Amino acid sequence: MRYISGILCVLSILCATTIQGQPINGPIPFYALPYYNYKPLTISIGKYKNELLTTDTAALTRLAATIKADINNTDVESLYFLSIRLYDMGKKDAAFYWFQTAKARARVFISMLDPAKKGGIGAPGFEREQLFGAINEIVGEYLNGYGFNDLDKGLAVFIRVRSEVKDIRSYKSVYKQIVFLDDAKLESAKADKVADLGELIAYVKANKADIKAQRIKNGVQDKY
């Protein structure tokens, strides 16, 4: 199975042993300076960096609708930050959807980076790739931990996100300072992500009882 390492990575978060199995409250303690800090809340990059600072739940919900309508003109980091802010403000179902959406788009983004021109520390392409990886690892503990409290709801999100991968367009107009591969490769990058999600969906469907039992045993269930 081509994506089995990715599946095992997700499941290690879904079923990981936690300290005491106690519910976690408050904001996700994530920071990736200088781009994002949870306390004091600061966001320094992204099209919606100012709007995402709101502490008004209704305003954040409206912003999510705006971003959804504008998604192909929106940077990936804004999608990740939206998922964090929604989680922090108690909109955890929406947060899980946006986190998985951001992950799918980040995967295609990284696949489309020109490796010969990605650069190193300080280069925007390299920095975004590192940022997305850090968010997947640290924030993923919370979002994936929550998203599979109800396995059927979690699967429905993955199925929805998979169906939306086809709508991803070129990143060239969003990230003008980053060099990407030719757009002819975009369909292949999207197809790979659709296949990855398909394998993950199939695996979870076939192992729901085991996953649920392991989550309960390790104190993950209903912790996040």
C-alpha atoms as a PDB file:
ATOM      1  CA  MET A   1       0.000   0.000   0.000  1.00  0.00           C
ATOM      2  CA  ARG A   2       1.693   3.195  -1.231  1.00  0.00           C
ATOM      3  CA  TYR A   3       0.300   5.424   1.494  1.00  0.00           C
ATOM      4  CA  ILE A   4       0.608   3.046   4.406  1.00  0.00           C
ATOM      5  CA  SER A   5       3.303   5.178   6.105  1.00  0.00           C
ATOM      6  CA  GLY A   6       0.925   8.146   5.984  1.00  0.00           C
ATOM      7  CA  ILE A   7      -1.912   6.043   7.377  1.00  0.00           C
ATOM      8  CA  LEU A   8       0.236   4.835  10.241  1.00  0.00           C
ATOM      9  CA  CYS A   9       1.294   8.418  10.966  1.00  0.00           C
ATOM     10  CA  VAL A  10      -2.338   9.519  11.244  1.00  0.00           C
ATOM     11  CA  LEU A  11      -3.291   6.519  13.344  1.00  0.00           C
ATOM     12  CA  SER A  12      -0.384   7.142  15.701  1.00  0.00           C
ATOM     13  CA  ILE A  13      -2.043  10.477  16.462  1.00  0.00           C
ATOM     14  CA  LEU A  14      -5.555   9.040  16.596  1.00  0.00           C
ATOM     15  CA  CYS A  15      -4.579   6.321  19.052  1.00  0.00           C
ATOM     16  CA  ALA A  16      -1.492   7.715  20.814  1.00  0.00           C
ATOM     17  CA  THR A  17      -1.103   7.258  24.547  1.00  0.00           C
ATOM     18  CA  THR A  18      -1.722  10.530  26.360  1.00  0.00           C
ATOM     19  CA  ILE A  19      -0.535  11.692  29.753  1.00  0.00           C
ATOM     20  CA  GLN A  20      -3.690  11.239  31.814  1.00  0.00           C
ATOM     21  CA  GLY A  21      -6.513  11.016  29.305  1.00  0.00           C
ATOM     22  CA  GLN A  22      -8.020  14.256  30.592  1.00  0.00           C
ATOM     23  CA  PRO A  23      -9.992  16.617  28.316  1.00  0.00           C
ATOM     24  CA  ILE A  24      -7.962  19.493  26.904  1.00  0.00           C
ATOM     25  CA  ASN A  25      -9.424  22.979  27.104  1.00  0.00           C
ATOM     26  CA  GLY A  26      -8.180  26.322  25.841  1.00  0.00           C
ATOM     27  CA  PRO A  27      -6.316  27.265  22.677  1.00  0.00           C
ATOM     28  CA  ILE A  28      -3.980  24.907  20.881  1.00  0.00           C
ATOM     29  CA  PRO A  29      -0.511  25.782  22.223  1.00  0.00           C
ATOM     30  CA  PHE A  30       1.067  26.184  18.815  1.00  0.00           C
ATOM     31  CA  TYR A  31       3.645  28.702  17.760  1.00  0.00           C
ATOM     32  CA  ALA A  32       5.888  28.918  14.716  1.00  0.00           C
ATOM     33  CA  LEU A  33       7.586  32.261  15.038  1.00  0.00           C
ATOM     34  CA  PRO A  34       7.464  34.692  13.389  1.00  0.00           C
ATOM     35  CA  TYR A  35       4.401  33.397  11.538  1.00  0.00           C
ATOM     36  CA  TYR A  36       1.997  32.322  14.298  1.00  0.00           C
ATOM     37  CA  ASN A  37       1.874  32.507  18.081  1.00  0.00           C
ATOM     38  CA  TYR A  38      -1.031  31.393  20.224  1.00  0.00           C
ATOM     39  CA  LYS A  39      -0.191  33.615  23.215  1.00  0.00           C
ATOM     40  CA  PRO A  40      -0.351  36.475  22.674  1.00  0.00           C
ATOM     41  CA  LEU A  41      -2.286  35.649  19.524  1.00  0.00           C
ATOM     42  CA  THR A  42      -0.320  36.935  16.540  1.00  0.00           C
ATOM     43  CA  ILE A  43      -0.447  36.020  12.859  1.00  0.00           C
ATOM     44  CA  SER A  44       2.071  37.653  10.533  1.00  0.00           C
ATOM     45  CA  ILE A  45       1.396  35.968   7.173  1.00  0.00           C
ATOM     46  CA  GLY A  46      -1.563  35.073   5.004  1.00  0.00           C
ATOM     47  CA  LYS A  47      -4.274  36.867   3.096  1.00  0.00           C
ATOM     48  CA  TYR A  48      -6.602  36.849   6.107  1.00  0.00           C
ATOM     49  CA  LYS A  49      -4.036  37.351   8.870  1.00  0.00           C
ATOM     50  CA  ASN A  50      -5.934  40.276  10.402  1.00  0.00           C
ATOM     51  CA  GLU A  51      -9.428  38.819  10.113  1.00  0.00           C
ATOM     52  CA  LEU A  52      -8.310  35.548  11.742  1.00  0.00           C
ATOM     53  CA  LEU A  53      -7.486  37.403  14.955  1.00  0.00           C
ATOM     54  CA  THR A  54     -11.175  37.891  15.725  1.00  0.00           C
ATOM     55  CA  THR A  55     -12.544  36.541  18.995  1.00  0.00           C
ATOM     56  CA  ASP A  56     -16.133  36.738  17.717  1.00  0.00           C
ATOM     57  CA  THR A  57     -17.376  33.260  16.863  1.00  0.00           C
ATOM     58  CA  ALA A  58     -20.012  34.535  14.423  1.00  0.00           C
ATOM     59  CA  ALA A  59     -17.433  36.680  12.632  1.00  0.00           C
ATOM     60  CA  LEU A  60     -15.074  33.711  12.337  1.00  0.00           C
ATOM     61  CA  THR A  61     -17.866  31.562  10.921  1.00  0.00           C
ATOM     62  CA  ARG A  62     -18.600  34.254   8.330  1.00  0.00           C
ATOM     63  CA  LEU A  63     -14.901  34.439   7.525  1.00  0.00           C
ATOM     64  CA  ALA A  64     -14.844  30.679   6.917  1.00  0.00           C
ATOM     65  CA  ALA A  65     -17.624  31.123   4.360  1.00  0.00           C
ATOM     66  CA  THR A  66     -15.698  33.945   2.696  1.00  0.00           C
ATOM     67  CA  ILE A  67     -12.558  31.839   2.507  1.00  0.00           C
ATOM     68  CA  LYS A  68     -14.510  28.895   1.116  1.00  0.00           C
ATOM     69  CA  ALA A  69     -15.774  31.071  -1.731  1.00  0.00           C
ATOM     70  CA  ASP A  70     -12.264  32.439  -2.294  1.00  0.00           C
ATOM     71  CA  ILE A  71     -10.290  29.270  -1.635  1.00  0.00           C
ATOM     72  CA  ASN A  72      -8.292  29.105  -4.861  1.00  0.00           C
ATOM     73  CA  ASN A  73      -7.126  32.665  -4.282  1.00  0.00           C
ATOM     74  CA  THR A  74      -6.193  31.954  -0.660  1.00  0.00           C
ATOM     75  CA  ASP A  75      -2.827  30.795   0.656  1.00  0.00           C
ATOM     76  CA  VAL A  76      -2.584  27.432   2.398  1.00  0.00           C
ATOM     77  CA  GLU A  77      -1.368  28.906   5.682  1.00  0.00           C
ATOM     78  CA  SER A  78      -4.606  30.867   6.042  1.00  0.00           C
ATOM     79  CA  LEU A  79      -6.535  27.592   5.827  1.00  0.00           C
ATOM     80  CA  TYR A  80      -4.410  26.040   8.539  1.00  0.00           C
ATOM     81  CA  PHE A  81      -4.732  29.103  10.763  1.00  0.00           C
ATOM     82  CA  LEU A  82      -8.502  29.118  10.219  1.00  0.00           C
ATOM     83  CA  SER A  83      -8.667  25.531  11.465  1.00  0.00           C
ATOM     84  CA  ILE A  84      -6.716  26.447  14.592  1.00  0.00           C
ATOM     85  CA  ARG A  85      -8.866  29.488  15.336  1.00  0.00           C
ATOM     86  CA  LEU A  86     -12.088  27.517  14.847  1.00  0.00           C
ATOM     87  CA  TYR A  87     -10.861  24.848  17.248  1.00  0.00           C
ATOM     88  CA  ASP A  88      -9.802  27.452  19.793  1.00  0.00           C
ATOM     89  CA  MET A  89     -13.280  28.986  19.688  1.00  0.00           C
ATOM     90  CA  GLY A  90     -15.132  25.708  20.076  1.00  0.00           C
ATOM     91  CA  LYS A  91     -16.120  25.117  16.434  1.00  0.00           C
ATOM     92  CA  LYS A  92     -14.323  21.803  16.353  1.00  0.00           C
ATOM     93  CA  ASP A  93     -16.273  20.042  13.596  1.00  0.00           C
ATOM     94  CA  ALA A  94     -15.562  22.938  11.231  1.00  0.00           C
ATOM     95  CA  ALA A  95     -11.962  23.036  12.475  1.00  0.00           C
ATOM     96  CA  PHE A  96     -11.415  19.381  11.549  1.00  0.00           C
ATOM     97  CA  TYR A  97     -12.777  19.943   8.048  1.00  0.00           C
ATOM     98  CA  TRP A  98     -10.554  22.974   7.483  1.00  0.00           C
ATOM     99  CA  PHE A  99      -7.502  21.196   8.861  1.00  0.00           C
ATOM    100  CA  GLN A 100      -7.973  18.292   6.453  1.00  0.00           C
ATOM    101  CA  THR A 101      -8.636  20.741   3.617  1.00  0.00           C
ATOM    102  CA  ALA A 102      -5.425  22.589   4.431  1.00  0.00           C
ATOM    103  CA  LYS A 103      -3.482  19.316   4.597  1.00  0.00           C
ATOM    104  CA  ALA A 104      -4.763  18.228   1.192  1.00  0.00           C
ATOM    105  CA  ARG A 105      -3.874  21.546  -0.390  1.00  0.00           C
ATOM    106  CA  ALA A 106      -0.501  21.630   1.359  1.00  0.00           C
ATOM    107  CA  ARG A 107       0.320  18.198  -0.046  1.00  0.00           C
ATOM    108  CA  VAL A 108      -0.401  19.397  -3.589  1.00  0.00           C
ATOM    109  CA  PHE A 109       1.493  22.644  -2.924  1.00  0.00           C
ATOM    110  CA  ILE A 110       4.600  20.723  -1.825  1.00  0.00           C
ATOM    111  CA  SER A 111       4.341  18.342  -4.778  1.00  0.00           C
ATOM    112  CA  MET A 112       4.283  21.331  -7.134  1.00  0.00           C
ATOM    113  CA  LEU A 113       7.310  23.127  -5.659  1.00  0.00           C
ATOM    114  CA  ASP A 114      10.239  23.244  -8.068  1.00  0.00           C
ATOM    115  CA  PRO A 115      12.898  21.367  -6.051  1.00  0.00           C
ATOM    116  CA  ALA A 116      15.723  23.109  -7.901  1.00  0.00           C
ATOM    117  CA  LYS A 117      14.397  26.542  -6.915  1.00  0.00           C
ATOM    118  CA  LYS A 118      12.801  25.886  -3.522  1.00  0.00           C
ATOM    119  CA  GLY A 119      15.758  27.365  -1.676  1.00  0.00           C
ATOM    120  CA  GLY A 120      16.722  26.975   1.970  1.00  0.00           C
ATOM    121  CA  ILE A 121      16.166  28.767   5.264  1.00  0.00           C
ATOM    122  CA  GLY A 122      14.494  32.117   4.618  1.00  0.00           C
ATOM    123  CA  ALA A 123      13.278  31.201   1.129  1.00  0.00           C
ATOM    124  CA  PRO A 124       9.466  31.376   0.935  1.00  0.00           C
ATOM    125  CA  GLY A 125       8.992  27.942  -0.623  1.00  0.00           C
ATOM    126  CA  PHE A 126      11.222  26.212   1.917  1.00  0.00           C
ATOM    127  CA  GLU A 127       9.709  28.136   4.818  1.00  0.00           C
ATOM    128  CA  ARG A 128       6.141  27.231   3.836  1.00  0.00           C
ATOM    129  CA  GLU A 129       7.020  23.567   3.527  1.00  0.00           C
ATOM    130  CA  GLN A 130       8.561  23.591   7.017  1.00  0.00           C
ATOM    131  CA  LEU A 131       5.616  25.522   8.466  1.00  0.00           C
ATOM    132  CA  PHE A 132       3.067  23.098   7.027  1.00  0.00           C
ATOM    133  CA  GLY A 133       5.006  20.143   8.403  1.00  0.00           C
ATOM    134  CA  ALA A 134       5.126  21.666  11.888  1.00  0.00           C
ATOM    135  CA  ILE A 135       1.388  22.371  11.844  1.00  0.00           C
ATOM    136  CA  ASN A 136       0.592  18.841  10.669  1.00  0.00           C
ATOM    137  CA  GLU A 137       2.615  17.359  13.508  1.00  0.00           C
ATOM    138  CA  ILE A 138       1.706  19.625  16.427  1.00  0.00           C
ATOM    139  CA  VAL A 139      -1.778  20.864  15.570  1.00  0.00           C
ATOM    140  CA  GLY A 140      -2.618  17.486  14.077  1.00  0.00           C
ATOM    141  CA  GLU A 141      -2.544  15.936  17.550  1.00  0.00           C
ATOM    142  CA  TYR A 142      -5.519  18.097  18.509  1.00  0.00           C
ATOM    143  CA  LEU A 143      -7.458  18.158  15.240  1.00  0.00           C
ATOM    144  CA  ASN A 144      -7.055  14.481  14.395  1.00  0.00           C
ATOM    145  CA  GLY A 145      -7.531  13.588  18.048  1.00  0.00           C
ATOM    146  CA  TYR A 146     -10.884  15.369  17.999  1.00  0.00           C
ATOM    147  CA  GLY A 147     -11.932  14.415  14.471  1.00  0.00           C
ATOM    148  CA  PHE A 148     -12.109  10.714  15.224  1.00  0.00           C
ATOM    149  CA  ASN A 149     -14.036  10.867  18.454  1.00  0.00           C
ATOM    150  CA  ASP A 150     -16.842   9.954  16.044  1.00  0.00           C
ATOM    151  CA  LEU A 151     -15.294   7.750  13.366  1.00  0.00           C
ATOM    152  CA  ASP A 152     -18.230   8.042  10.979  1.00  0.00           C
ATOM    153  CA  LYS A 153     -18.160  11.847  11.113  1.00  0.00           C
ATOM    154  CA  GLY A 154     -14.402  11.801  10.646  1.00  0.00           C
ATOM    155  CA  LEU A 155     -14.695   9.565   7.615  1.00  0.00           C
ATOM    156  CA  ALA A 156     -17.358  11.850   6.143  1.00  0.00           C
ATOM    157  CA  VAL A 157     -14.898  14.741   6.338  1.00  0.00           C
ATOM    158  CA  PHE A 158     -12.177  12.768   4.573  1.00  0.00           C
ATOM    159  CA  ILE A 159     -14.632  11.760   1.860  1.00  0.00           C
ATOM    160  CA  ARG A 160     -15.720  15.376   1.415  1.00  0.00           C
ATOM    161  CA  VAL A 161     -12.135  16.640   1.268  1.00  0.00           C
ATOM    162  CA  ARG A 162     -11.222  13.952  -1.262  1.00  0.00           C
ATOM    163  CA  SER A 163     -14.097  15.051  -3.489  1.00  0.00           C
ATOM    164  CA  GLU A 164     -12.850  18.655  -3.377  1.00  0.00           C
ATOM    165  CA  VAL A 165      -9.225  17.956  -4.335  1.00  0.00           C
ATOM    166  CA  LYS A 166     -10.204  18.097  -8.009  1.00  0.00           C
ATOM    167  CA  ASP A 167     -11.060  21.790  -7.588  1.00  0.00           C
ATOM    168  CA  ILE A 168      -7.523  22.823  -6.586  1.00  0.00           C
ATOM    169  CA  ARG A 169      -6.010  25.251  -9.081  1.00  0.00           C
ATOM    170  CA  SER A 170      -2.479  26.488  -9.733  1.00  0.00           C
ATOM    171  CA  TYR A 171      -0.748  28.220  -6.816  1.00  0.00           C
ATOM    172  CA  LYS A 172       1.236  30.552  -9.059  1.00  0.00           C
ATOM    173  CA  SER A 173      -1.055  33.558  -8.681  1.00  0.00           C
ATOM    174  CA  VAL A 174      -1.239  33.160  -4.890  1.00  0.00           C
ATOM    175  CA  TYR A 175       2.489  32.711  -4.272  1.00  0.00           C
ATOM    176  CA  LYS A 176       4.184  35.006  -6.756  1.00  0.00           C
ATOM    177  CA  GLN A 177       7.598  34.706  -5.072  1.00  0.00           C
ATOM    178  CA  ILE A 178       7.684  30.913  -5.232  1.00  0.00           C
ATOM    179  CA  VAL A 179       8.689  28.885  -8.291  1.00  0.00           C
ATOM    180  CA  PHE A 180       6.454  25.929  -9.081  1.00  0.00           C
ATOM    181  CA  LEU A 181       6.647  23.118 -11.597  1.00  0.00           C
ATOM    182  CA  ASP A 182       4.712  23.449 -14.833  1.00  0.00           C
ATOM    183  CA  ASP A 183       0.941  23.399 -14.330  1.00  0.00           C
ATOM    184  CA  ALA A 184       0.779  20.337 -16.579  1.00  0.00           C
ATOM    185  CA  LYS A 185       1.900  18.350 -13.519  1.00  0.00           C
ATOM    186  CA  LEU A 186      -0.949  19.631 -11.346  1.00  0.00           C
ATOM    187  CA  GLU A 187      -3.469  16.958 -12.311  1.00  0.00           C
ATOM    188  CA  SER A 188      -1.012  14.225 -11.409  1.00  0.00           C
ATOM    189  CA  ALA A 189      -0.315  15.837  -8.024  1.00  0.00           C
ATOM    190  CA  LYS A 190      -4.042  16.024  -7.332  1.00  0.00           C
ATOM    191  CA  ALA A 191      -4.585  12.428  -8.421  1.00  0.00           C
ATOM    192  CA  ASP A 192      -1.893  11.281  -5.999  1.00  0.00           C
ATOM    193  CA  LYS A 193      -3.623  13.073  -3.123  1.00  0.00           C
ATOM    194  CA  VAL A 194      -7.011  11.601  -4.074  1.00  0.00           C
ATOM    195  CA  ALA A 195      -5.426   8.127  -4.079  1.00  0.00           C
ATOM    196  CA  ASP A 196      -3.796   8.751  -0.703  1.00  0.00           C
ATOM    197  CA  LEU A 197      -7.086   9.789   0.855  1.00  0.00           C
ATOM    198  CA  GLY A 198      -8.846   6.841  -0.732  1.00  0.00           C
ATOM    199  CA  GLU A 199      -6.413   4.412   0.885  1.00  0.00           C
ATOM    200  CA  LEU A 200      -6.773   6.126   4.259  1.00  0.00           C
ATOM    201  CA  ILE A 201     -10.570   6.057   4.023  1.00  0.00           C
ATOM    202  CA  ALA A 202     -10.548   2.362   3.130  1.00  0.00           C
ATOM    203  CA  TYR A 203      -8.184   1.558   5.988  1.00  0.00           C
ATOM    204  CA  VAL A 204     -10.241   3.370   8.597  1.00  0.00           C
ATOM    205  CA  LYS A 205     -13.491   1.840   7.327  1.00  0.00           C
ATOM    206  CA  ALA A 206     -11.993  -1.636   7.631  1.00  0.00           C
ATOM    207  CA  ASN A 207     -10.564  -1.051  11.102  1.00  0.00           C
ATOM    208  CA  LYS A 208     -13.093   1.166  12.881  1.00  0.00           C
ATOM    209  CA  ALA A 209     -13.628  -1.171  15.817  1.00  0.00           C
ATOM    210  CA  ASP A 210      -9.897  -1.592  16.453  1.00  0.00           C
ATOM    211  CA  ILE A 211      -9.212   2.128  16.166  1.00  0.00           C
ATOM    212  CA  LYS A 212     -12.018   2.988  18.572  1.00  0.00           C
ATOM    213  CA  ALA A 213     -10.871   0.358  21.082  1.00  0.00           C
ATOM    214  CA  GLN A 214      -7.291   1.599  20.967  1.00  0.00           C
ATOM    215  CA  ARG A 215      -8.351   5.208  21.410  1.00  0.00           C
ATOM    216  CA  ILE A 216     -10.365   4.287  24.503  1.00  0.00           C
ATOM    217  CA  LYS A 217      -7.518   2.196  25.907  1.00  0.00           C
ATOM    218  CA  ASN A 218      -4.990   5.005  25.463  1.00  0.00           C
ATOM    219  CA  GLY A 219      -7.210   7.804  26.784  1.00  0.00           C
ATOM    220  CA  VAL A 220      -7.492   9.641  23.468  1.00  0.00           C
ATOM    221  CA  GLN A 221     -11.236   9.232  23.066  1.00  0.00           C
ATOM    222  CA  ASP A 222     -13.030  12.491  23.932  1.00  0.00           C
ATOM    223  CA  LYS A 223      -9.772  14.038  25.197  1.00  0.00           C
ATOM    224  CA  TYR A 224      -9.599  16.736  22.512  1.00  0.00           C
END
